[in-house]
Amino acid sequence: MLSFLLGMAAAPLQAQAPAAHALPSLGDGGDMPLGEERRLGDSIAREFLRDPDLIEDPILSDYIQGIWQPLIQAARQRGELSAELEQRFAWDLMLIRDKSVNAFALPGGYLGVHLGLIGVSSSRDELASVLAHELSHVTQRHIARLLSQQSKQTPLMMGAMVLGLLAASRNPQAANALMVGGQAVAIQNQLNFSRDMEREADRVGYGVMTQAGFEPQGFVSLFEKLQQAARLNDSGGYPYLRSHPMTTERIADMQARQQWLTLASPAPPRLAHQLMSARARVLANPGVDTQRFFSADAQQERRSAGQRAAALYAGVMADLRLRDHGLLRARLEELRLLTQADPEAVQQLSLLSAEVALQTGTPMQAIALLETQGKDRASRFLLAQSRIATGLPAQGALAAQDLLGWTALQPRDAYGWELLGQALGLQGDTLRAIRAQAESLALKFDYAAAIDRLMAAQELARQLARSGRLGRAQEMEAAIIDSRLRTLLIARREQALQR
């Protein structure tokens, strides 16, 4: 699939591939170097990360990463993702609290997925078809090709126009402040993916998806589902369709490609996906009335165990948000019986049970549930949150020890640094806690706030030194703080020059 923002001129996909001379070489980015495209993406992401609808949900993020990473691996194996491109681009996948059915790609390897898309998908394969298509727009450098066509526009102006198009897709009135007059129209035309690029992304994305082990039926089933939904009721909730028209020709092409493969009967929806789809629907609709609907809907009977489990999962989440705990235990027990034969669903239920314990004021119970879990990101972060919630320095030290190892391996995980700062603060390690806060802010491109935190850490180090309480470990931390401050001051100057 394509992004709502970068695919507004998609055309019917022909069954045959376009002539070779119609497309640039695969991965050719025109006149735009990789570094310039990444800097443009960073400048857009800097504004985008301020959006309050950008959410951090480790459980749902882990699930989407479980689809995304095999696609990355397949693109690498197929030669579409070069080592240089993989190293230079961000490859950050963001979750957007929006009930519209949408996904998008930005310059520099930033991708976004609306919760509404996850909520309407019936299988991992359908989500994989979207992500594979968006990934292919990035690996084939379609964005750079389009931006190179408008050589008279500066990267900063292009970034502003991209942000304007993003805003227009969600709130046309807000977009007026970002897009001005005929110039915006010209830029929008430049950002429209060409017919050939749509064909290429379909073809490459299909190959990536199938090599990654996903069923090709996912392409067809999602296309058909969205097209039918929009035909029956296009209330503005399907912007992906307007930017990526699911014509009968494109659907037919995907069906024709399936005939090249020997396919078994479509597998029934995985229970774990049904649970995660329910989670996305609840998170995408935070209003009280909607949460009450999810809670009441969990009382209704369902035709299948999977549908019943999804309704119960949504009901538990809604009850937590409504602070209505009367039915939580009974619903969790029924969920346990429905999921006990599915290891992946059992894992999802364990995380939900820990969430319930944490949010109902029993963090030690959450810790007991999570200590036996694996070391995936969601389990690790939920365990850290539970330890911090106890308010006990000893638990803070345990959380900090684990998160220090995590941030060493995943230094670009802003939420990991944020939790580390909380854990270090709880155990009384204020100097390192302040630096962790600064690292989290810097990863969100808020250099001014990060610099303020590091300067506060410098002042604290000086106070400790004057009082003779600056130990050897803290001296080393103070040296790291000085070095990071110099780096971020340079980054802030470069950021100011781009404005």
Protein backbone atom coordinates (compact mmCIF):
# COMPACT_ATOMS: atom_id res chain seq x y z
CA MET A 1 0.00 0.00 0.00
CA LEU A 2 0.93 3.63 -0.19
CA SER A 3 0.61 6.59 2.07
CA PHE A 4 -2.38 8.90 2.02
CA LEU A 5 0.06 11.70 1.63
CA LEU A 6 2.25 10.32 -1.11
CA GLY A 7 -0.10 8.46 -3.39
CA MET A 8 -2.92 10.72 -4.52
CA ALA A 9 -2.64 9.94 -8.22
CA ALA A 10 -2.57 6.14 -8.09
CA ALA A 11 -3.77 4.46 -11.26
CA PRO A 12 -5.16 1.04 -12.20
CA LEU A 13 -2.50 -1.64 -12.02
CA GLN A 14 -2.09 -3.62 -15.21
CA ALA A 15 -1.53 -7.35 -15.05
CA GLN A 16 1.71 -7.02 -16.99
CA ALA A 17 4.77 -5.15 -15.73
CA PRO A 18 5.42 -1.73 -17.28
CA ALA A 19 8.07 -1.37 -19.92
CA ALA A 20 11.57 -1.27 -18.52
CA HIS A 21 12.25 2.23 -19.84
CA ALA A 22 9.25 3.62 -17.95
CA LEU A 23 10.93 3.35 -14.56
CA PRO A 24 14.26 4.50 -13.15
CA SER A 25 16.59 1.86 -11.79
CA LEU A 26 15.32 0.26 -8.63
CA GLY A 27 16.32 2.31 -5.61
CA ASP A 28 17.40 5.27 -7.73
CA GLY A 29 16.71 8.40 -5.71
CA GLY A 30 17.17 10.92 -8.50
CA ASP A 31 19.26 13.92 -7.48
CA MET A 32 18.58 13.65 -3.74
CA PRO A 33 21.38 12.04 -1.68
CA LEU A 34 20.45 9.64 1.10
CA GLY A 35 21.70 12.04 3.76
CA GLU A 36 19.55 14.88 2.47
CA GLU A 37 16.46 12.68 2.37
CA ARG A 38 17.13 11.53 5.94
CA ARG A 39 17.57 15.13 7.13
CA LEU A 40 14.30 16.07 5.48
CA GLY A 41 12.61 13.13 7.18
CA ASP A 42 14.08 14.16 10.53
CA SER A 43 12.77 17.71 10.13
CA ILE A 44 9.28 16.40 9.40
CA ALA A 45 9.44 13.84 12.22
CA ARG A 46 10.50 16.62 14.63
CA GLU A 47 7.12 18.28 14.13
CA PHE A 48 5.20 15.04 13.84
CA LEU A 49 6.48 13.74 17.18
CA ARG A 50 4.67 16.61 18.90
CA ASP A 51 1.31 15.25 17.76
CA PRO A 52 -0.65 14.19 20.87
CA ASP A 53 -2.19 11.39 18.84
CA LEU A 54 1.20 9.73 18.42
CA ILE A 55 0.97 6.95 20.99
CA GLU A 56 3.42 4.70 22.79
CA ASP A 57 1.86 1.28 23.34
CA PRO A 58 4.59 -1.37 23.69
CA ILE A 59 2.15 -4.28 23.40
CA LEU A 60 0.70 -3.17 20.07
CA SER A 61 4.11 -1.93 18.87
CA ASP A 62 5.67 -5.33 19.52
CA TYR A 63 2.91 -7.01 17.55
CA ILE A 64 3.37 -4.70 14.55
CA GLN A 65 7.14 -5.11 14.76
CA GLY A 66 6.57 -8.86 14.53
CA ILE A 67 5.13 -8.21 11.07
CA TRP A 68 7.48 -5.39 10.09
CA GLN A 69 10.80 -7.07 10.86
CA PRO A 70 10.21 -10.13 8.60
CA LEU A 71 9.36 -7.71 5.79
CA ILE A 72 12.62 -5.82 6.37
CA GLN A 73 14.51 -9.12 6.33
CA ALA A 74 12.82 -10.20 3.10
CA ALA A 75 13.58 -6.87 1.42
CA ARG A 76 17.20 -7.27 2.46
CA GLN A 77 17.39 -10.81 1.08
CA ARG A 78 15.79 -9.76 -2.20
CA GLY A 79 18.34 -6.99 -2.63
CA GLU A 80 15.81 -4.15 -2.46
CA LEU A 81 17.13 -2.89 0.87
CA SER A 82 20.80 -2.08 0.49
CA ALA A 83 23.15 -2.02 3.46
CA GLU A 84 23.71 1.72 3.00
CA LEU A 85 19.99 2.51 2.84
CA GLU A 86 19.33 0.37 5.91
CA GLN A 87 22.06 2.12 7.84
CA ARG A 88 21.26 5.68 6.81
CA PHE A 89 17.47 5.66 7.23
CA ALA A 90 15.51 5.69 10.48
CA TRP A 91 13.08 2.77 9.87
CA ASP A 92 10.89 4.07 12.67
CA LEU A 93 7.32 2.79 12.69
CA MET A 94 4.87 5.08 14.50
CA LEU A 95 1.38 4.32 15.81
CA ILE A 96 -1.22 7.06 15.38
CA ARG A 97 -4.32 7.27 17.57
CA ASP A 98 -6.73 7.75 14.69
CA LYS A 99 -9.72 5.59 13.79
CA SER A 100 -9.38 6.29 10.07
CA VAL A 101 -8.08 3.46 7.91
CA ASN A 102 -4.70 4.76 6.84
CA ALA A 103 -0.92 4.36 6.68
CA PHE A 104 1.84 6.57 5.30
CA ALA A 105 5.54 6.85 4.54
CA LEU A 106 7.75 9.89 5.08
CA PRO A 107 11.21 10.72 3.72
CA GLY A 108 14.12 9.07 5.48
CA GLY A 109 12.35 5.83 6.40
CA TYR A 110 9.68 7.04 8.84
CA LEU A 111 6.40 5.15 8.55
CA GLY A 112 3.09 5.61 10.32
CA VAL A 113 0.13 3.30 10.88
CA HIS A 114 -3.28 4.49 12.06
CA LEU A 115 -4.94 2.35 14.68
CA GLY A 116 -8.05 2.32 12.51
CA LEU A 117 -6.20 0.26 9.91
CA ILE A 118 -5.17 -2.33 12.51
CA GLY A 119 -8.71 -2.35 13.87
CA VAL A 120 -10.35 -3.29 10.55
CA SER A 121 -7.73 -5.84 9.46
CA SER A 122 -8.72 -9.49 9.78
CA SER A 123 -5.25 -11.02 9.70
CA ARG A 124 -1.52 -10.43 9.93
CA ASP A 125 -1.39 -10.97 6.17
CA GLU A 126 -3.61 -7.96 5.52
CA LEU A 127 -1.44 -5.72 7.66
CA ALA A 128 1.66 -7.16 6.01
CA SER A 129 0.29 -6.17 2.59
CA VAL A 130 0.02 -2.53 3.72
CA LEU A 131 3.44 -2.42 5.34
CA ALA A 132 5.13 -4.20 2.43
CA HIS A 133 3.70 -1.70 -0.03
CA GLU A 134 4.80 1.28 2.09
CA LEU A 135 8.21 -0.28 2.64
CA SER A 136 8.61 -0.65 -1.11
CA HIS A 137 7.91 3.04 -1.67
CA VAL A 138 10.84 3.73 0.66
CA THR A 139 13.28 1.11 -0.65
CA GLN A 140 12.61 2.16 -4.25
CA ARG A 141 13.11 5.77 -3.14
CA HIS A 142 9.90 7.00 -4.70
CA ILE A 143 9.77 9.93 -2.27
CA ALA A 144 13.24 11.12 -3.28
CA ARG A 145 12.38 10.79 -6.96
CA LEU A 146 9.32 12.97 -6.53
CA LEU A 147 11.07 15.58 -4.42
CA SER A 148 13.95 15.73 -6.91
CA GLN A 149 11.47 16.75 -9.59
CA GLN A 150 10.81 20.00 -7.74
CA SER A 151 14.42 21.15 -7.69
CA LYS A 152 13.56 24.79 -7.02
CA GLN A 153 11.98 24.00 -3.66
CA THR A 154 14.19 23.87 -0.60
CA PRO A 155 14.06 20.78 1.64
CA LEU A 156 12.60 22.94 4.43
CA MET A 157 9.74 24.13 2.21
CA MET A 158 9.16 20.58 1.04
CA GLY A 159 9.00 19.44 4.65
CA ALA A 160 6.42 22.10 5.46
CA MET A 161 4.31 21.02 2.52
CA VAL A 162 4.50 17.37 3.55
CA LEU A 163 3.33 18.33 7.04
CA GLY A 164 0.52 20.30 5.48
CA LEU A 165 -0.63 17.32 3.47
CA LEU A 166 -0.53 15.16 6.58
CA ALA A 167 -2.65 17.69 8.43
CA ALA A 168 -5.07 17.98 5.52
CA SER A 169 -5.71 14.28 5.56
CA ARG A 170 -6.90 14.48 9.17
CA ASN A 171 -8.04 18.06 9.75
CA PRO A 172 -8.46 20.30 6.69
CA GLN A 173 -8.96 23.42 8.80
CA ALA A 174 -5.73 22.93 10.71
CA ALA A 175 -3.93 22.33 7.44
CA ASN A 176 -4.73 25.85 6.24
CA ALA A 177 -2.01 27.19 8.52
CA LEU A 178 0.56 24.97 6.84
CA MET A 179 -0.46 25.06 3.17
CA VAL A 180 -0.77 28.40 1.42
CA GLY A 181 -2.30 29.14 -1.96
CA GLY A 182 -1.34 27.74 -5.33
CA GLN A 183 2.14 26.82 -4.16
CA ALA A 184 0.68 24.10 -1.95
CA VAL A 185 -1.23 22.71 -4.91
CA ALA A 186 1.96 22.54 -6.94
CA ILE A 187 3.79 20.75 -4.17
CA GLN A 188 0.91 18.34 -3.66
CA ASN A 189 1.10 17.47 -7.34
CA GLN A 190 4.78 16.72 -6.92
CA LEU A 191 4.02 14.42 -3.98
CA ASN A 192 1.51 12.35 -5.87
CA PHE A 193 2.93 8.96 -6.69
CA SER A 194 2.98 8.24 -10.40
CA ARG A 195 1.20 5.31 -12.00
CA ASP A 196 4.52 3.58 -12.59
CA MET A 197 5.53 4.00 -8.96
CA GLU A 198 2.24 2.51 -7.83
CA ARG A 199 2.79 -0.48 -10.09
CA GLU A 200 6.33 -0.87 -8.85
CA ALA A 201 5.31 -0.69 -5.18
CA ASP A 202 2.57 -3.26 -5.76
CA ARG A 203 4.94 -5.61 -7.55
CA VAL A 204 7.88 -5.23 -5.15
CA GLY A 205 5.65 -5.22 -2.07
CA TYR A 206 3.95 -8.41 -3.19
CA GLY A 207 7.32 -10.14 -3.59
CA VAL A 208 8.56 -8.90 -0.21
CA MET A 209 5.38 -9.98 1.54
CA THR A 210 5.34 -13.50 0.11
CA GLN A 211 9.05 -14.05 0.69
CA ALA A 212 8.55 -13.01 4.31
CA GLY A 213 6.08 -15.88 4.68
CA PHE A 214 2.78 -14.02 4.59
CA GLU A 215 -0.18 -15.24 2.56
CA PRO A 216 -0.64 -13.27 -0.69
CA GLN A 217 -4.41 -13.40 -0.16
CA GLY A 218 -3.86 -10.59 2.33
CA PHE A 219 -3.38 -8.12 -0.53
CA VAL A 220 -6.66 -9.06 -2.19
CA SER A 221 -8.79 -9.43 0.93
CA LEU A 222 -7.83 -6.04 2.35
CA PHE A 223 -8.26 -4.31 -1.02
CA GLU A 224 -11.71 -5.81 -1.43
CA LYS A 225 -12.72 -5.06 2.16
CA LEU A 226 -11.75 -1.39 2.00
CA GLN A 227 -13.28 -0.88 -1.42
CA GLN A 228 -16.57 -2.39 -0.29
CA ALA A 229 -16.61 -0.40 2.95
CA ALA A 230 -16.01 2.87 1.12
CA ARG A 231 -18.66 2.06 -1.49
CA LEU A 232 -21.25 1.46 1.22
CA ASN A 233 -20.36 4.37 3.46
CA ASP A 234 -17.51 6.72 2.63
CA SER A 235 -17.73 8.97 5.67
CA GLY A 236 -14.13 10.09 5.47
CA GLY A 237 -12.80 7.17 7.49
CA TYR A 238 -10.99 5.58 4.55
CA PRO A 239 -8.40 8.14 3.35
CA TYR A 240 -6.17 5.28 2.24
CA LEU A 241 -8.68 4.48 -0.48
CA ARG A 242 -8.67 8.00 -1.86
CA SER A 243 -4.88 8.09 -1.95
CA HIS A 244 -4.53 4.46 -3.06
CA PRO A 245 -7.63 3.64 -5.15
CA MET A 246 -8.33 -0.09 -4.95
CA THR A 247 -9.56 -0.49 -8.51
CA THR A 248 -10.84 -3.76 -9.91
CA GLU A 249 -7.74 -3.88 -12.12
CA ARG A 250 -5.38 -3.77 -9.14
CA ILE A 251 -7.38 -6.40 -7.30
CA ALA A 252 -7.42 -8.58 -10.40
CA ASP A 253 -3.66 -8.22 -10.73
CA MET A 254 -3.12 -9.42 -7.17
CA GLN A 255 -5.45 -12.35 -7.84
CA ALA A 256 -3.51 -13.19 -10.99
CA ARG A 257 -0.23 -13.19 -9.08
CA GLN A 258 -1.67 -15.70 -6.63
CA GLN A 259 -2.26 -18.14 -9.46
CA TRP A 260 1.49 -18.36 -9.89
CA LEU A 261 1.74 -19.90 -6.43
CA THR A 262 0.39 -23.14 -5.01
CA LEU A 263 -1.86 -21.96 -2.20
CA ALA A 264 -3.61 -23.95 0.50
CA SER A 265 -7.03 -22.95 1.76
CA PRO A 266 -6.87 -19.64 3.65
CA ALA A 267 -6.02 -20.22 7.28
CA PRO A 268 -8.55 -19.03 9.87
CA PRO A 269 -7.73 -15.71 11.56
CA ARG A 270 -5.15 -16.04 14.32
CA LEU A 271 -6.59 -15.46 17.74
CA ALA A 272 -3.68 -13.21 18.72
CA HIS A 273 -4.42 -10.94 15.76
CA GLN A 274 -8.06 -10.69 16.76
CA LEU A 275 -6.97 -9.60 20.24
CA MET A 276 -4.56 -6.98 18.89
CA SER A 277 -7.17 -5.71 16.45
CA ALA A 278 -9.54 -5.27 19.40
CA ARG A 279 -6.81 -3.43 21.32
CA ALA A 280 -6.31 -1.03 18.42
CA ARG A 281 -10.03 -0.30 18.23
CA VAL A 282 -10.18 0.58 21.93
CA LEU A 283 -7.07 2.78 21.79
CA ALA A 284 -8.31 4.55 18.65
CA ASN A 285 -11.62 5.52 20.27
CA PRO A 286 -10.83 7.03 23.70
CA GLY A 287 -14.22 8.71 24.25
CA VAL A 288 -16.22 7.67 27.31
CA ASP A 289 -19.31 6.73 25.31
CA THR A 290 -17.28 4.48 23.02
CA GLN A 291 -15.58 2.82 25.97
CA ARG A 292 -18.98 2.14 27.47
CA PHE A 293 -20.01 0.55 24.19
CA PHE A 294 -16.98 -1.78 24.26
CA SER A 295 -17.73 -2.75 27.86
CA ALA A 296 -21.39 -3.47 27.11
CA ASP A 297 -20.54 -5.29 23.88
CA ALA A 298 -18.43 -7.78 25.86
CA GLN A 299 -21.71 -9.06 27.34
CA GLN A 300 -23.01 -10.14 23.93
CA GLU A 301 -22.67 -13.68 22.65
CA ARG A 302 -20.49 -14.30 19.61
CA ARG A 303 -20.63 -16.85 16.79
CA SER A 304 -16.99 -17.88 17.21
CA ALA A 305 -14.53 -18.20 20.07
CA GLY A 306 -12.25 -15.69 18.37
CA GLN A 307 -14.96 -13.06 18.13
CA ARG A 308 -15.91 -13.66 21.74
CA ALA A 309 -12.30 -13.39 22.89
CA ALA A 310 -11.82 -10.12 20.98
CA ALA A 311 -14.96 -8.64 22.53
CA LEU A 312 -13.85 -9.68 26.02
CA TYR A 313 -10.36 -8.23 25.46
CA ALA A 314 -11.87 -4.91 24.34
CA GLY A 315 -14.26 -5.03 27.30
CA VAL A 316 -11.43 -5.46 29.82
CA MET A 317 -9.50 -2.54 28.33
CA ALA A 318 -12.62 -0.37 28.34
CA ASP A 319 -13.39 -1.29 31.95
CA LEU A 320 -9.90 -0.18 32.97
CA ARG A 321 -10.38 3.18 31.29
CA LEU A 322 -13.82 3.61 32.84
CA ARG A 323 -12.47 2.54 36.26
CA ASP A 324 -15.26 -0.01 36.37
CA HIS A 325 -13.59 -3.10 37.84
CA GLY A 326 -16.64 -5.17 38.68
CA LEU A 327 -16.42 -7.58 35.72
CA LEU A 328 -12.66 -7.57 35.17
CA ARG A 329 -11.82 -10.84 36.92
CA ALA A 330 -14.67 -12.80 35.36
CA ARG A 331 -13.80 -11.54 31.90
CA LEU A 332 -10.12 -12.37 32.34
CA GLU A 333 -10.99 -15.89 33.45
CA GLU A 334 -13.22 -16.45 30.42
CA LEU A 335 -10.44 -15.10 28.22
CA ARG A 336 -8.01 -17.53 29.82
CA LEU A 337 -10.26 -20.47 28.91
CA LEU A 338 -10.70 -19.22 25.33
CA THR A 339 -6.97 -18.64 24.72
CA GLN A 340 -5.35 -21.53 26.59
CA ALA A 341 -4.69 -23.57 23.43
CA ASP A 342 -2.93 -20.71 21.59
CA PRO A 343 0.55 -19.82 22.98
CA GLU A 344 0.68 -16.43 21.24
CA ALA A 345 -2.75 -15.49 22.57
CA VAL A 346 -1.76 -16.75 26.04
CA GLN A 347 1.19 -14.35 25.96
CA GLN A 348 -1.10 -11.45 25.01
CA LEU A 349 -3.48 -12.34 27.84
CA SER A 350 -0.58 -12.44 30.32
CA LEU A 351 0.35 -8.89 29.36
CA LEU A 352 -3.26 -7.76 29.65
CA SER A 353 -3.53 -9.38 33.10
CA ALA A 354 -0.40 -7.52 34.19
CA GLU A 355 -1.89 -4.27 32.89
CA VAL A 356 -5.00 -4.93 34.95
CA ALA A 357 -2.93 -5.57 38.08
CA LEU A 358 -0.85 -2.43 37.53
CA GLN A 359 -3.79 -0.13 36.81
CA THR A 360 -5.88 -1.47 39.69
CA GLY A 361 -3.19 -0.59 42.23
CA THR A 362 -1.47 -3.97 42.73
CA PRO A 363 1.93 -3.52 41.04
CA MET A 364 3.53 -6.37 43.01
CA GLN A 365 0.99 -8.74 41.46
CA ALA A 366 1.91 -7.38 38.03
CA ILE A 367 5.59 -7.98 38.82
CA ALA A 368 4.88 -11.58 39.78
CA LEU A 369 3.08 -12.12 36.48
CA LEU A 370 5.81 -10.48 34.39
CA GLU A 371 8.94 -11.89 36.00
CA THR A 372 8.27 -15.24 34.32
CA GLN A 373 7.67 -13.66 30.88
CA GLY A 374 10.20 -13.34 28.10
CA LYS A 375 12.40 -10.33 27.49
CA ASP A 376 10.41 -8.80 24.66
CA ARG A 377 10.04 -5.03 24.71
CA ALA A 378 6.43 -5.03 25.92
CA SER A 379 7.09 -7.40 28.86
CA ARG A 380 10.26 -5.57 29.79
CA PHE A 381 8.66 -2.13 29.79
CA LEU A 382 5.49 -3.24 31.58
CA LEU A 383 7.67 -4.88 34.24
CA ALA A 384 9.68 -1.65 34.59
CA GLN A 385 6.46 0.38 34.92
CA SER A 386 5.24 -2.01 37.60
CA ARG A 387 8.50 -1.81 39.57
CA ILE A 388 8.45 1.99 39.38
CA ALA A 389 4.81 2.06 40.50
CA THR A 390 5.74 0.35 43.78
CA GLY A 391 7.68 3.45 44.84
CA LEU A 392 10.36 1.19 46.36
CA PRO A 393 14.02 2.12 45.69
CA ALA A 394 14.99 -1.57 45.52
CA GLN A 395 12.44 -2.15 42.76
CA GLY A 396 13.66 0.98 41.01
CA ALA A 397 17.19 -0.41 41.05
CA LEU A 398 16.02 -3.67 39.46
CA ALA A 399 14.16 -1.76 36.76
CA ALA A 400 17.16 0.48 36.11
CA GLN A 401 19.53 -2.48 35.81
CA ASP A 402 17.35 -4.06 33.12
CA LEU A 403 16.72 -0.81 31.25
CA LEU A 404 20.41 0.12 31.23
CA GLY A 405 21.06 -3.07 29.29
CA TRP A 406 18.15 -2.36 26.97
CA THR A 407 19.18 1.22 26.12
CA ALA A 408 22.73 0.06 25.51
CA LEU A 409 21.40 -2.32 22.82
CA GLN A 410 18.60 -0.01 21.61
CA PRO A 411 19.99 3.52 22.03
CA ARG A 412 17.28 5.08 19.80
CA ASP A 413 14.37 3.91 21.97
CA ALA A 414 13.07 7.16 23.44
CA TYR A 415 10.52 5.45 25.68
CA GLY A 416 13.22 3.14 27.05
CA TRP A 417 15.27 6.17 28.10
CA GLU A 418 12.19 7.80 29.62
CA LEU A 419 11.47 4.77 31.78
CA LEU A 420 15.15 4.50 32.70
CA GLY A 421 15.06 8.08 33.96
CA GLN A 422 12.11 7.25 36.20
CA ALA A 423 13.78 4.10 37.54
CA LEU A 424 17.09 5.86 38.25
CA GLY A 425 15.24 8.67 39.99
CA LEU A 426 13.41 6.18 42.21
CA GLN A 427 16.67 4.59 43.32
CA GLY A 428 18.16 8.01 44.04
CA ASP A 429 20.65 8.19 41.14
CA THR A 430 19.64 11.72 40.17
CA LEU A 431 22.59 12.52 37.91
CA ARG A 432 22.03 9.57 35.60
CA ALA A 433 18.25 10.05 35.81
CA ILE A 434 18.54 13.58 34.42
CA ARG A 435 20.77 12.41 31.56
CA ALA A 436 18.31 9.63 30.70
CA GLN A 437 15.55 12.24 30.53
CA ALA A 438 17.73 14.32 28.22
CA GLU A 439 18.42 11.36 25.94
CA SER A 440 14.69 10.70 25.60
CA LEU A 441 14.02 14.33 24.70
CA ALA A 442 16.87 14.41 22.17
CA LEU A 443 15.49 11.36 20.38
CA LYS A 444 12.24 13.31 19.96
CA PHE A 445 14.30 16.14 18.39
CA ASP A 446 13.49 18.45 21.32
CA TYR A 447 17.09 19.59 21.57
CA ALA A 448 16.32 22.73 23.58
CA ALA A 449 14.68 20.76 26.39
CA ALA A 450 17.41 18.09 26.27
CA ILE A 451 20.10 20.76 26.59
CA ASP A 452 18.31 22.29 29.56
CA ARG A 453 18.30 18.91 31.31
CA LEU A 454 22.00 18.32 30.61
CA MET A 455 22.88 21.78 31.90
CA ALA A 456 20.92 20.99 35.07
CA ALA A 457 22.91 17.76 35.34
CA GLN A 458 26.17 19.71 34.98
CA GLU A 459 25.16 22.02 37.80
CA LEU A 460 24.25 19.05 39.99
CA ALA A 461 27.65 17.47 39.28
CA ARG A 462 29.38 20.69 40.31
CA GLN A 463 27.40 20.80 43.56
CA LEU A 464 28.32 17.20 44.33
CA ALA A 465 31.97 17.91 43.59
CA ARG A 466 32.02 20.95 45.89
CA SER A 467 30.53 18.90 48.71
CA GLY A 468 32.95 16.00 48.14
CA ARG A 469 30.12 13.61 47.18
CA LEU A 470 31.05 13.07 43.53
CA GLY A 471 32.23 9.48 43.36
CA ARG A 472 34.21 7.81 40.60
CA ALA A 473 31.12 6.51 38.80
CA GLN A 474 29.52 9.95 38.94
CA GLU A 475 32.69 11.56 37.61
CA MET A 476 32.43 9.30 34.56
CA GLU A 477 28.75 10.19 34.19
CA ALA A 478 29.60 13.89 34.40
CA ALA A 479 32.12 13.44 31.58
CA ILE A 480 29.46 11.74 29.44
CA ILE A 481 27.07 14.61 30.18
CA ASP A 482 29.66 17.18 29.06
CA SER A 483 30.23 15.29 25.82
CA ARG A 484 26.53 14.86 25.08
CA LEU A 485 25.89 18.54 25.79
CA ARG A 486 28.49 19.58 23.19
CA THR A 487 26.93 17.21 20.66
CA LEU A 488 23.42 18.51 21.23
CA LEU A 489 24.50 22.14 21.09
CA ILE A 490 25.85 21.44 17.60
CA ALA A 491 22.64 19.62 16.67
CA ARG A 492 20.56 22.58 17.88
CA ARG A 493 22.61 25.01 15.79
CA GLU A 494 22.13 22.83 12.71
CA GLN A 495 18.41 22.59 13.46
CA ALA A 496 18.19 26.40 13.71
CA LEU A 497 19.88 26.80 10.34
CA GLN A 498 17.21 24.62 8.74
CA ARG A 499 14.38 26.83 9.94
